[in-house]
Structure formats: C-alpha cells, structure tokens
Protein backbone atom coordinates (compact mmCIF):
# COMPACT_ATOMS: atom_id res chain seq x y z
CA MET A 1 124.90 98.09 118.88
CA LEU A 2 124.76 101.79 118.05
CA TRP A 3 121.22 101.33 116.69
CA ALA A 4 120.13 99.55 119.89
CA VAL A 5 121.65 102.24 122.13
CA ILE A 6 120.04 105.11 120.20
CA ALA A 7 116.66 103.33 120.08
CA GLN A 8 116.83 102.70 123.83
CA GLY A 9 117.67 106.35 124.49
CA LEU A 10 114.96 107.78 122.26
CA ASN A 11 112.30 105.27 123.31
CA SER A 12 110.20 106.19 120.27
CA SER A 13 108.17 104.19 117.79
CA LEU A 14 109.91 106.16 115.04
CA LEU A 15 113.08 104.18 115.75
CA PRO A 16 112.22 100.68 117.02
CA SER A 17 114.94 98.55 118.54
CA PRO A 18 116.68 95.80 116.53
CA MET A 19 114.78 93.17 118.55
CA THR A 20 111.44 94.78 117.66
CA VAL A 21 112.35 94.78 113.99
CA LEU A 22 113.52 91.18 114.24
CA GLU A 23 110.22 90.17 115.86
CA THR A 24 108.30 91.91 113.06
CA LEU A 25 110.45 90.13 110.48
CA MET A 26 109.87 86.74 112.12
CA GLN A 27 106.11 87.33 112.26
CA ALA A 28 106.01 88.24 108.56
CA SER A 29 108.11 85.18 107.78
CA ALA A 30 105.95 82.84 109.84
CA SER A 31 102.74 84.12 108.23
CA GLY A 32 104.21 83.67 104.73
CA GLU A 33 103.68 87.33 103.81
CA LEU A 34 107.40 88.03 103.70
CA TRP A 35 108.13 85.21 101.25
CA ARG A 36 105.13 86.02 99.06
CA HIS A 37 106.14 89.64 98.62
CA LEU A 38 109.84 88.90 98.30
CA GLY A 39 109.04 86.31 95.64
CA ALA A 40 106.94 88.79 93.66
CA THR A 41 109.73 91.37 93.75
CA LEU A 42 112.43 88.87 92.79
CA ALA A 43 110.34 87.60 89.87
CA ARG A 44 110.02 91.14 88.50
CA VAL A 45 113.72 91.79 89.01
CA LEU A 46 114.66 88.56 87.20
CA VAL A 47 112.46 89.18 84.16
CA ALA A 48 113.47 92.84 83.87
CA PHE A 49 117.16 92.03 84.34
CA VAL A 50 117.22 89.33 81.65
CA LEU A 51 115.39 91.52 79.14
CA ALA A 52 117.45 94.64 79.89
CA MET A 53 120.78 92.81 79.72
CA GLY A 54 119.85 91.03 76.49
CA LEU A 55 118.57 94.13 74.68
CA GLY A 56 121.25 96.41 76.08
CA THR A 57 124.07 94.05 75.12
CA VAL A 58 122.86 93.71 71.53
CA ILE A 59 122.32 97.46 71.16
CA GLY A 60 125.70 98.25 72.71
CA LEU A 61 127.55 95.81 70.46
CA VAL A 62 125.90 97.13 67.31
CA MET A 63 126.52 100.78 68.27
CA GLY A 64 130.09 100.06 69.28
CA ARG A 65 130.90 98.29 66.02
CA SER A 66 129.08 100.63 63.62
CA LEU A 67 129.79 104.37 63.50
CA ARG A 68 126.69 105.01 61.42
CA THR A 69 124.39 103.17 63.81
CA ASN A 70 125.99 104.93 66.77
CA ALA A 71 125.50 108.35 65.20
CA LEU A 72 121.86 107.52 64.44
CA PHE A 73 120.86 106.20 67.85
CA ASP A 74 123.18 108.09 70.22
CA PRO A 75 120.77 111.05 70.69
CA LEU A 76 117.98 108.64 71.65
CA LEU A 77 120.31 106.86 74.05
CA VAL A 78 121.26 110.15 75.71
CA LEU A 79 117.58 111.08 76.00
CA LEU A 80 116.70 107.79 77.69
CA LEU A 81 119.70 108.04 80.02
CA ASN A 82 118.47 111.41 81.28
CA LEU A 83 114.79 110.51 81.46
CA PRO A 84 113.80 110.17 85.14
CA ALA A 85 112.68 106.69 86.13
CA LEU A 86 109.57 108.12 87.78
CA VAL A 87 108.43 109.65 84.50
CA THR A 88 108.86 106.35 82.66
CA ILE A 89 106.94 104.44 85.34
CA ILE A 90 104.04 106.89 85.32
CA LEU A 91 103.85 106.91 81.52
CA MET A 92 103.82 103.11 81.33
CA TYR A 93 101.01 102.90 83.86
CA VAL A 94 99.03 105.66 82.10
CA TRP A 95 99.45 104.11 78.64
CA PHE A 96 99.06 100.42 79.51
CA GLY A 97 97.27 100.45 82.86
CA LEU A 98 98.29 99.07 86.23
CA VAL A 99 99.36 95.72 84.81
CA GLU A 100 102.44 93.55 85.19
CA VAL A 101 103.66 94.18 81.64
CA ALA A 102 103.71 97.95 82.22
CA ALA A 103 105.66 97.49 85.46
CA VAL A 104 108.33 95.33 83.82
CA MET A 105 108.53 97.56 80.73
CA ALA A 106 109.17 100.61 82.91
CA VAL A 107 112.11 98.88 84.55
CA VAL A 108 113.55 97.58 81.27
CA ILE A 109 113.31 100.97 79.54
CA ASN A 110 115.21 102.59 82.39
CA LYS A 111 117.95 99.98 82.44
CA VAL A 112 118.63 99.22 78.75
CA PRO A 113 120.45 102.55 78.07
CA ASN A 114 122.90 101.97 80.94
CA VAL A 115 123.75 98.48 79.70
CA ALA A 116 124.06 99.69 76.10
CA VAL A 117 126.47 102.49 77.03
CA THR A 118 128.70 100.14 79.04
CA ILE A 119 128.80 97.44 76.36
CA ARG A 120 129.32 100.04 73.62
CA GLU A 121 132.53 101.17 75.31
CA GLY A 122 133.65 97.55 75.51
CA ALA A 123 132.89 96.97 71.83
CA ARG A 124 134.89 100.07 70.92
CA SER A 125 137.90 98.82 72.87
CA LEU A 126 138.15 95.42 71.15
CA ASP A 127 141.71 94.72 70.04
CA HIS A 128 141.89 95.03 66.24
CA ARG A 129 144.93 92.71 66.18
CA LEU A 130 142.84 89.87 67.59
CA GLU A 131 140.21 90.68 64.98
CA GLU A 132 142.81 90.36 62.25
CA MET A 133 144.00 87.06 63.71
CA ALA A 134 140.44 85.74 63.72
CA THR A 135 140.08 86.75 60.07
CA VAL A 136 143.36 85.11 59.06
CA TYR A 137 142.45 81.84 60.77
CA ARG A 138 138.91 82.05 59.38
CA PHE A 139 137.11 81.91 62.72
CA SER A 140 133.42 81.23 62.51
CA ARG A 141 131.06 83.82 63.98
CA TRP A 142 130.62 81.64 67.06
CA GLN A 143 134.40 81.29 67.53
CA ARG A 144 134.85 85.01 67.05
CA LEU A 145 132.17 85.69 69.67
CA THR A 146 133.33 83.18 72.29
CA GLU A 147 137.11 83.30 71.81
CA VAL A 148 137.77 86.88 70.75
CA TRP A 149 134.94 89.16 71.85
CA ALA A 150 133.63 87.57 75.04
CA PRO A 151 136.95 87.52 76.96
CA GLN A 152 137.53 91.19 76.14
CA LEU A 153 133.94 92.20 76.90
CA PHE A 154 133.80 90.31 80.19
CA PRO A 155 134.76 93.25 82.48
CA TYR A 156 132.14 95.41 80.80
CA LEU A 157 129.50 92.68 81.10
CA MET A 158 130.23 92.31 84.81
CA ALA A 159 130.07 96.07 85.29
CA ALA A 160 126.73 96.17 83.47
CA THR A 161 125.48 93.22 85.54
CA ARG A 162 126.37 94.75 88.88
CA GLY A 163 125.16 98.20 87.91
CA GLY A 164 122.05 96.68 86.38
CA LEU A 165 121.05 94.80 89.49
CA ALA A 166 121.70 97.81 91.71
CA LEU A 167 119.50 100.01 89.54
CA ILE A 168 116.77 97.45 88.89
CA TRP A 169 116.31 96.73 92.62
CA LYS A 170 115.56 100.41 93.23
CA ILE A 171 113.28 100.92 90.25
CA VAL A 172 111.26 97.77 90.94
CA LEU A 173 110.47 99.00 94.46
CA VAL A 174 109.20 102.31 93.06
CA VAL A 175 107.15 100.47 90.43
CA GLU A 176 105.56 98.33 93.14
CA LEU A 177 104.93 101.31 95.39
CA LEU A 178 103.10 103.21 92.64
CA GLY A 179 101.03 100.56 90.96
CA ARG A 180 101.27 96.95 92.16
CA SER A 181 99.33 95.03 94.80
CA ASN A 182 102.24 92.89 95.99
CA GLY A 183 105.98 93.01 96.40
CA VAL A 184 108.35 94.63 98.87
CA GLY A 185 107.66 98.11 97.49
CA PHE A 186 103.92 97.61 98.04
CA GLN A 187 104.53 96.52 101.64
CA LEU A 188 106.74 99.54 102.27
CA HIS A 189 103.95 101.77 100.96
CA LEU A 190 101.42 100.18 103.33
CA ALA A 191 103.80 100.52 106.28
CA PHE A 192 104.49 104.16 105.42
CA GLN A 193 100.78 104.98 105.44
CA VAL A 194 100.46 103.89 109.09
CA PHE A 195 104.00 104.98 110.11
CA ASP A 196 104.97 101.39 110.90
CA VAL A 197 108.74 101.94 111.02
CA ALA A 198 109.36 98.42 112.33
CA ALA A 199 107.72 96.92 109.22
CA ILE A 200 109.60 99.32 106.92
CA LEU A 201 112.93 98.31 108.45
CA ALA A 202 112.02 94.61 108.55
CA TYR A 203 111.15 94.40 104.85
CA SER A 204 114.09 96.62 103.93
CA LEU A 205 116.56 94.43 105.84
CA ALA A 206 115.09 91.27 104.32
CA PHE A 207 115.48 92.79 100.87
CA VAL A 208 119.08 93.84 101.56
CA ALA A 209 119.85 90.34 102.86
CA VAL A 210 118.60 88.80 99.61
CA VAL A 211 120.69 91.23 97.55
CA GLN A 212 123.80 90.39 99.58
CA LEU A 213 123.11 86.68 99.25
CA ILE A 214 122.92 86.97 95.46
CA GLU A 215 126.17 88.94 95.46
CA LEU A 216 128.05 86.44 97.64
CA ALA A 217 126.55 83.20 96.33
CA LEU A 218 126.21 84.02 92.64
CA LEU A 219 127.99 87.11 91.33
CA GLN A 220 131.32 86.80 93.12
CA PRO A 221 131.82 83.07 92.31
CA LEU A 222 130.74 83.76 88.72
CA GLU A 223 133.22 86.61 88.47
CA ARG A 224 136.08 84.46 89.82
CA ARG A 225 135.30 81.60 87.45
CA ALA A 226 134.81 83.89 84.47
CA SER A 227 138.06 85.70 85.26
CA ARG A 228 139.97 82.41 85.08
CA TRP A 229 138.16 81.51 81.84
CA ARG A 230 138.92 84.93 80.38
CA GLN A 231 142.60 84.61 81.19
CA ARG A 232 142.74 81.17 79.54
CA GLU A 233 140.92 82.41 76.45
CA MET A 234 143.11 85.48 76.10
CA ALA A 235 146.25 83.37 76.53
CA HIS A 236 144.93 80.91 73.92
CA ALA A 237 144.14 83.74 71.51
C-alpha cells in the first residue's frame, strides 16, 4: 500500500505502481520469457549449490579433523574468503571465455570457502565421548558417519545450506549480468540499459518469490524432519 501511494504521488516511470509491475510480470509470464530465464538461473544455482556443498563439506571435515591439513590449507581458505566475487567472475571469464562452465566455476569458487569454514567448526566440535563409544562398539565408517557425525553436524549443514543459497543467488545474478545471454541477471541488465524499472522490479519479485517458495516448501520442512531425526539419533547414541 505504501508503494502504491508513493508511486501515485510521484507519478514517475522511475517508480511504477504495483499494478504496472504486475502487468509486466504477467506479460513476461504469458510470453514464456519469464519461465525461460528463471529456469536458466535456477539450473545454474542448482549445479553450483550441489558442487559447492559437496566440495565444501569434504574440505571442512578434513580440515576440522586434521590439524596438519588445517594448518596447510587455512591460509588459502582465508585468501579465498576475502577474494571479491567480482574478481573471481572476471578471471573465470577471461581465462575460460564466456561459457557456462566458467560461470558455474566462478560461483562454486566463491561459495566453497564459506561452506568449508562452517563445516570445519562443526567437525571441531564433535563430541569425543561419542567417538570413543563408536570405537568401543566397533562402528563401521558408515555407522560412524550416519549415527555419530551427521546428527552433530546437522546444525552446521543447515547453516551452510541457508547461507549457501543466499550467497549463490546473488553471485549467479552477477555472473549472468556480466557474461551470459539468458537468466534473470541478463534480463535485469537489459532492463537497466533502457531504464525499464517495471521490468527490473517484475523479474526481481519473481526471483524473490521463487526463493521464498524454496524456503517454505523445501528447507523448512527438511529442517523440521531432520531435527526430529537428529534428536532420535542423538538419543539412540
């Protein structure tokens, strides 16, 4: 309502009314452009997220469980954590060209250090008493992973997941703006060039709606189910 009142008072194309933005969104949806570009962005987010979470989790576990490995790779981790995403994106495009692999690699490189740091702290906090119990009862590696480590690492995995998605969304849009020919970031770039604020807001709101849908339909139910599973596993252990 506040947006509508301000837009009505200004009467400027720089702040279109909610109805104007909604009309632009419906037109993009009806033409199929909205779904095509949203699909391209979501595909990049999915691939980058899976790769970053997988690599970051393995690196974090190894660094958290081995002092020598942590001492060896910690300076590199700090360097990557402080390397601006824009620099990584530009370097990937310069070295590999404006191709899909370079775009995804830029996102993964920016996200892996964050996941690794979060999981490393979780690996460091593992209860040594549960480790001793697993040794006494001769747990297999799979049992140790699923019944001892996973329940304790769950909060850290969820934190890395939420933080990972939040960061990857942003980086993917920049990647698309700088060097791709489709995706939400590409559409925002085109709209910016002609000062089409209605299109900028329409694609932005559609993107935010998808993010919220994933949060409500996937992450929150997964967190509730995993919390119950974690409590059962910890009680069993």
